[in-house]
């Protein structure tokens, strides 16, 4: 299957599904292979040797000790449990080898038991208009950007379905990271947030727990757009489940008040991404569908 938009075959690697949510407009800079290659970061921005050089001798010794433990395990996969992963788990546990190993082993067993590395959101395969969390480009640091919208993600009552979609999106973001990039940016538009509908803390804590336990140090920044004052109640319920490192990465921005996305986005994103995102958030204030509704067709 190919993704086709206005009779143009769109590069499939940038999009998770053959049919897109009606509220999602495919960015023009990702609409063709040529356009995407013009904005895509280089394959590598930092080598593992350069990354290791950033740590102290004590930290490097902890990494080597952790590696020696990991390679002896039945669940060890050389290509997957590499030095980049050991660094992330070590950072998450302040280079405590015992705690880092326990965290990594828990993730390895969870991945093996659930098959989460190849999860597909079956809900969106059947109906693409129930969730919206999509890759929309890279920031100045070459980190993939995930864009979410509550208006266009109406299925917000089932924690397991939300987890399945989120993990699929996380894995997709990882696949689009150049070597040396370890984190993504995630932004959520709160337009149509309802305290009555969206106040189930399990919806958030299920995804937050998976993020912290199985994707440590992957979140570079979480941008919450136009979160209403009532969200503070839900935030208070979430807070005990969010570690301090994650809380520090959360930023609140707004389309009308300060800090305003028109001022803040240019500090984070290239101009072509800003020109896509800002109108998208404005359009989310209405029920207007995206300019292009993308459908799938067979190329065979």
Protein backbone atom coordinates (compact mmCIF):
# COMPACT_ATOMS: atom_id res chain seq x y z
CA UNK A 1 0.00 0.00 0.00
CA UNK A 2 1.11 3.56 -0.68
CA UNK A 3 -0.04 6.78 0.91
CA UNK A 4 -1.49 9.02 -1.76
CA UNK A 5 -2.28 12.70 -1.30
CA UNK A 6 -3.74 14.70 -4.20
CA UNK A 7 -2.52 11.96 -6.60
CA UNK A 8 1.03 12.24 -5.20
CA UNK A 9 2.61 9.22 -3.55
CA UNK A 10 3.78 10.34 -0.11
CA UNK A 11 6.89 8.76 1.49
CA UNK A 12 5.50 6.07 3.81
CA UNK A 13 8.36 6.14 6.34
CA UNK A 14 7.14 9.43 7.82
CA UNK A 15 3.55 8.31 8.50
CA UNK A 16 2.28 5.45 10.62
CA UNK A 17 -0.94 4.67 8.75
CA UNK A 18 -2.09 4.44 5.12
CA UNK A 19 -5.15 6.55 5.96
CA UNK A 20 -4.73 9.75 7.96
CA UNK A 21 -6.96 11.42 10.54
CA UNK A 22 -9.22 13.98 8.86
CA UNK A 23 -7.81 16.67 11.12
CA UNK A 24 -4.21 16.00 10.10
CA UNK A 25 -2.71 17.90 7.19
CA UNK A 26 0.39 16.29 5.72
CA UNK A 27 3.22 18.84 5.88
CA UNK A 28 4.33 19.93 2.42
CA UNK A 29 7.95 19.39 3.42
CA UNK A 30 7.18 15.69 4.00
CA UNK A 31 4.85 15.25 1.03
CA UNK A 32 7.51 14.05 -1.41
CA UNK A 33 10.81 12.24 -1.07
CA UNK A 34 12.65 15.23 -2.52
CA UNK A 35 11.02 17.70 -0.12
CA UNK A 36 11.67 15.47 2.89
CA UNK A 37 15.31 14.92 2.00
CA UNK A 38 15.79 18.70 1.91
CA UNK A 39 14.77 19.06 5.58
CA UNK A 40 15.85 15.70 7.00
CA UNK A 41 18.88 15.78 9.33
CA UNK A 42 22.07 13.95 8.36
CA UNK A 43 22.22 10.24 9.23
CA UNK A 44 24.58 10.92 12.12
CA UNK A 45 25.03 14.01 14.28
CA UNK A 46 27.19 12.43 17.00
CA UNK A 47 29.12 9.15 17.25
CA UNK A 48 28.98 6.86 20.26
CA UNK A 49 32.63 7.66 20.89
CA UNK A 50 31.80 11.37 21.05
CA UNK A 51 28.88 10.65 23.39
CA UNK A 52 31.01 8.53 25.73
CA UNK A 53 33.60 11.30 25.85
CA UNK A 54 31.01 13.48 27.62
CA UNK A 55 31.03 11.27 30.73
CA UNK A 56 33.42 11.05 33.66
CA UNK A 57 35.74 8.06 34.23
CA UNK A 58 33.42 6.91 37.03
CA UNK A 59 30.38 7.06 34.76
CA UNK A 60 32.20 5.20 31.99
CA UNK A 61 33.19 2.51 34.48
CA UNK A 62 29.51 2.17 35.47
CA UNK A 63 28.51 1.85 31.81
CA UNK A 64 31.11 -0.87 31.26
CA UNK A 65 29.93 -2.73 34.36
CA UNK A 66 26.33 -2.51 33.17
CA UNK A 67 27.29 -3.81 29.73
CA UNK A 68 29.06 -6.80 31.28
CA UNK A 69 25.85 -7.69 33.13
CA UNK A 70 23.55 -7.18 30.16
CA UNK A 71 25.46 -9.30 27.64
CA UNK A 72 25.09 -12.34 29.92
CA UNK A 73 21.29 -12.25 29.89
CA UNK A 74 19.03 -14.48 27.79
CA UNK A 75 17.07 -11.45 26.62
CA UNK A 76 20.19 -9.63 25.37
CA UNK A 77 20.05 -8.47 21.73
CA UNK A 78 23.36 -6.93 20.54
CA UNK A 79 21.82 -4.50 18.05
CA UNK A 80 19.09 -3.38 20.42
CA UNK A 81 20.79 -3.32 23.82
CA UNK A 82 23.67 -1.17 22.60
CA UNK A 83 25.73 1.55 24.26
CA UNK A 84 23.17 4.23 23.38
CA UNK A 85 20.51 2.32 25.33
CA UNK A 86 22.84 1.65 28.26
CA UNK A 87 23.54 5.38 28.47
CA UNK A 88 19.83 6.26 28.64
CA UNK A 89 19.07 3.73 31.36
CA UNK A 90 22.17 4.79 33.30
CA UNK A 91 21.16 8.46 33.13
CA UNK A 92 17.67 7.57 34.33
CA UNK A 93 19.15 5.92 37.44
CA UNK A 94 22.07 8.30 37.99
CA UNK A 95 24.61 5.65 36.94
CA UNK A 96 23.63 3.30 39.75
CA UNK A 97 24.49 0.01 38.04
CA UNK A 98 22.14 -2.14 40.09
CA UNK A 99 19.16 0.15 39.53
CA UNK A 100 20.00 0.69 35.85
CA UNK A 101 20.19 -3.05 35.26
CA UNK A 102 16.90 -3.70 37.07
CA UNK A 103 15.18 -1.03 34.97
CA UNK A 104 16.62 -2.34 31.71
CA UNK A 105 15.76 -5.95 32.52
CA UNK A 106 12.18 -4.95 33.33
CA UNK A 107 11.89 -3.22 29.95
CA UNK A 108 13.47 -6.11 28.06
CA UNK A 109 11.02 -8.59 29.58
CA UNK A 110 8.08 -6.24 29.00
CA UNK A 111 9.04 -5.84 25.35
CA UNK A 112 9.42 -9.60 24.96
CA UNK A 113 6.12 -10.40 26.67
CA UNK A 114 4.03 -7.72 24.95
CA UNK A 115 5.74 -7.43 21.57
CA UNK A 116 5.54 -3.66 22.08
CA UNK A 117 8.37 -2.89 19.65
CA UNK A 118 6.07 -3.91 16.79
CA UNK A 119 2.74 -2.71 18.16
CA UNK A 120 0.26 -1.29 15.68
CA UNK A 121 -2.74 0.80 16.69
CA UNK A 122 -5.55 -1.38 15.38
CA UNK A 123 -8.04 1.28 16.37
CA UNK A 124 -6.52 3.68 13.81
CA UNK A 125 -6.27 1.00 11.14
CA UNK A 126 -10.04 0.57 11.41
CA UNK A 127 -10.86 4.25 11.91
CA UNK A 128 -8.07 6.84 11.51
CA UNK A 129 -10.22 9.59 13.03
CA UNK A 130 -10.08 8.35 16.63
CA UNK A 131 -6.45 9.17 17.55
CA UNK A 132 -4.03 11.85 16.44
CA UNK A 133 -0.37 11.63 17.37
CA UNK A 134 1.82 12.14 14.30
CA UNK A 135 5.40 12.89 13.37
CA UNK A 136 5.65 16.35 11.75
CA UNK A 137 9.37 17.04 11.36
CA UNK A 138 12.52 17.77 13.35
CA UNK A 139 13.52 20.60 15.69
CA UNK A 140 16.80 22.55 15.61
CA UNK A 141 18.48 19.74 17.57
CA UNK A 142 17.34 17.14 14.99
CA UNK A 143 14.85 15.68 17.45
CA UNK A 144 11.63 14.23 15.93
CA UNK A 145 8.47 16.19 16.73
CA UNK A 146 5.25 14.40 17.71
CA UNK A 147 2.06 16.42 17.29
CA UNK A 148 -1.17 15.52 19.12
CA UNK A 149 -4.62 17.06 19.11
CA UNK A 150 -7.50 16.40 21.49
CA UNK A 151 -10.05 17.77 19.03
CA UNK A 152 -9.07 15.18 16.46
CA UNK A 153 -8.26 12.41 18.94
CA UNK A 154 -11.74 11.66 20.23
CA UNK A 155 -11.02 8.18 21.63
CA UNK A 156 -9.86 9.25 25.09
CA UNK A 157 -11.58 6.71 27.34
CA UNK A 158 -9.56 3.50 26.99
CA UNK A 159 -6.08 3.56 28.58
CA UNK A 160 -4.89 0.42 26.75
CA UNK A 161 -5.84 1.75 23.32
CA UNK A 162 -4.14 5.04 24.16
CA UNK A 163 -1.03 3.17 25.29
CA UNK A 164 -0.94 1.10 22.10
CA UNK A 165 -1.15 4.18 19.90
CA UNK A 166 1.40 6.12 21.98
CA UNK A 167 3.97 3.32 22.01
CA UNK A 168 3.60 2.93 18.25
CA UNK A 169 4.20 6.67 17.85
CA UNK A 170 7.20 6.55 20.21
CA UNK A 171 8.76 3.69 18.24
CA UNK A 172 8.12 5.58 15.01
CA UNK A 173 9.85 8.67 16.39
CA UNK A 174 12.86 6.57 17.39
CA UNK A 175 13.09 5.19 13.86
CA UNK A 176 13.43 8.76 12.55
CA UNK A 177 16.27 9.78 14.87
CA UNK A 178 19.72 10.25 13.36
CA UNK A 179 22.56 8.56 15.19
CA UNK A 180 23.42 10.70 18.20
CA UNK A 181 19.87 11.97 18.71
CA UNK A 182 18.27 10.31 21.72
CA UNK A 183 15.09 12.30 22.37
CA UNK A 184 11.88 13.52 20.78
CA UNK A 185 9.63 16.55 21.26
CA UNK A 186 5.95 15.92 22.01
CA UNK A 187 3.28 18.61 21.85
CA UNK A 188 -0.41 18.28 22.69
CA UNK A 189 -3.19 20.71 21.79
CA UNK A 190 -5.83 20.82 24.56
CA UNK A 191 -8.57 22.31 22.37
CA UNK A 192 -11.85 20.51 23.33
CA UNK A 193 -10.36 19.25 26.61
CA UNK A 194 -13.22 18.40 28.96
CA UNK A 195 -12.64 17.93 32.66
CA UNK A 196 -15.72 15.69 32.74
CA UNK A 197 -14.48 13.52 29.86
CA UNK A 198 -10.73 13.70 30.36
CA UNK A 199 -10.31 13.58 34.13
CA UNK A 200 -9.62 9.84 34.39
CA UNK A 201 -6.05 9.86 35.73
CA UNK A 202 -5.42 6.34 34.43
CA UNK A 203 -5.50 7.64 30.86
CA UNK A 204 -2.41 9.71 31.55
CA UNK A 205 -0.64 7.58 34.12
CA UNK A 206 -0.71 4.49 31.89
CA UNK A 207 1.22 6.28 29.15
CA UNK A 208 3.44 8.19 31.58
CA UNK A 209 4.44 4.97 33.32
CA UNK A 210 5.34 3.31 30.03
CA UNK A 211 7.30 6.39 28.96
CA UNK A 212 9.29 6.54 32.17
CA UNK A 213 9.80 2.79 32.59
CA UNK A 214 10.47 1.72 29.02
CA UNK A 215 11.52 4.87 27.13
CA UNK A 216 13.82 6.53 29.70
CA UNK A 217 15.47 9.77 28.62
CA UNK A 218 13.56 9.72 25.31
CA UNK A 219 11.37 12.74 26.08
CA UNK A 220 13.25 15.94 25.34
CA UNK A 221 10.34 18.32 25.90
CA UNK A 222 6.60 18.05 26.41
CA UNK A 223 4.72 21.14 25.20
CA UNK A 224 1.13 21.54 26.41
CA UNK A 225 -0.79 24.00 24.23
CA UNK A 226 -3.74 25.94 25.66
CA UNK A 227 -4.17 23.72 28.72
CA UNK A 228 -7.20 25.18 30.56
CA UNK A 229 -7.15 26.13 34.21
CA UNK A 230 -9.17 23.02 35.09
CA UNK A 231 -6.30 20.89 33.85
CA UNK A 232 -4.42 21.87 36.99
CA UNK A 233 -6.66 19.46 38.91
CA UNK A 234 -5.66 16.57 36.65
CA UNK A 235 -2.02 17.70 36.71
CA UNK A 236 -2.09 17.47 40.49
CA UNK A 237 -3.29 13.86 40.18
CA UNK A 238 -0.56 13.05 37.63
CA UNK A 239 2.27 14.68 39.55
CA UNK A 240 2.99 11.88 42.05
CA UNK A 241 3.52 9.50 39.12
CA UNK A 242 5.92 11.80 37.25
CA UNK A 243 9.58 11.82 38.23
CA UNK A 244 11.41 15.10 38.70
CA UNK A 245 13.45 14.76 35.48
CA UNK A 246 10.25 14.42 33.42
CA UNK A 247 8.49 17.31 35.16
CA UNK A 248 11.37 19.60 34.25
CA UNK A 249 10.72 18.89 30.56
CA UNK A 250 7.08 20.06 30.58
CA UNK A 251 6.33 23.49 29.17
CA UNK A 252 2.97 25.27 28.93
CA UNK A 253 2.36 27.50 25.89
CA UNK A 254 -0.67 29.29 24.49
CA UNK A 255 -2.09 30.53 21.20
CA UNK A 256 -3.45 33.81 22.63
CA UNK A 257 -1.65 34.51 25.91
CA UNK A 258 1.96 34.21 27.10
CA UNK A 259 4.17 32.33 26.61
CA UNK A 260 2.82 32.40 23.06
CA UNK A 261 3.62 29.81 20.41
CA UNK A 262 4.35 32.58 17.89
CA UNK A 263 7.18 33.77 20.13
CA UNK A 264 8.38 30.41 21.45
CA UNK A 265 8.19 28.10 18.42
CA UNK A 266 10.82 30.00 16.35
CA UNK A 267 13.29 29.38 19.18
CA UNK A 268 12.74 25.63 18.90
CA UNK A 269 11.77 24.80 15.32
CA UNK A 270 12.89 25.67 11.78
CA UNK A 271 10.75 28.16 9.89
CA UNK A 272 9.03 25.53 7.72
CA UNK A 273 7.89 23.65 10.85
CA UNK A 274 6.60 26.85 12.47
CA UNK A 275 4.67 27.71 9.32
CA UNK A 276 3.01 24.30 9.52
CA UNK A 277 2.35 24.09 13.26
CA UNK A 278 0.97 27.55 14.02
CA UNK A 279 -1.88 27.40 11.44
CA UNK A 280 -2.59 23.82 12.55
CA UNK A 281 -3.23 24.95 16.12
CA UNK A 282 -5.40 27.79 14.85
CA UNK A 283 -7.42 25.38 12.70
CA UNK A 284 -7.94 23.09 15.70
CA UNK A 285 -10.13 25.78 17.25
CA UNK A 286 -12.76 24.97 14.66
CA UNK A 287 -14.15 21.70 13.36
CA UNK A 288 -12.60 22.38 9.95
CA UNK A 289 -10.99 19.26 8.50
CA UNK A 290 -7.48 19.40 7.11
CA UNK A 291 -6.98 20.69 3.54
CA UNK A 292 -5.98 17.22 2.35
CA UNK A 293 -7.75 14.02 3.38
CA UNK A 294 -5.26 11.28 2.60
CA UNK A 295 -6.45 7.90 1.43
CA UNK A 296 -4.64 4.67 0.65
CA UNK A 297 -4.48 2.88 -2.63
CA UNK A 298 -2.61 -0.16 -3.78
CA UNK A 299 0.43 0.46 -5.96
CA UNK A 300 0.59 -3.17 -7.08
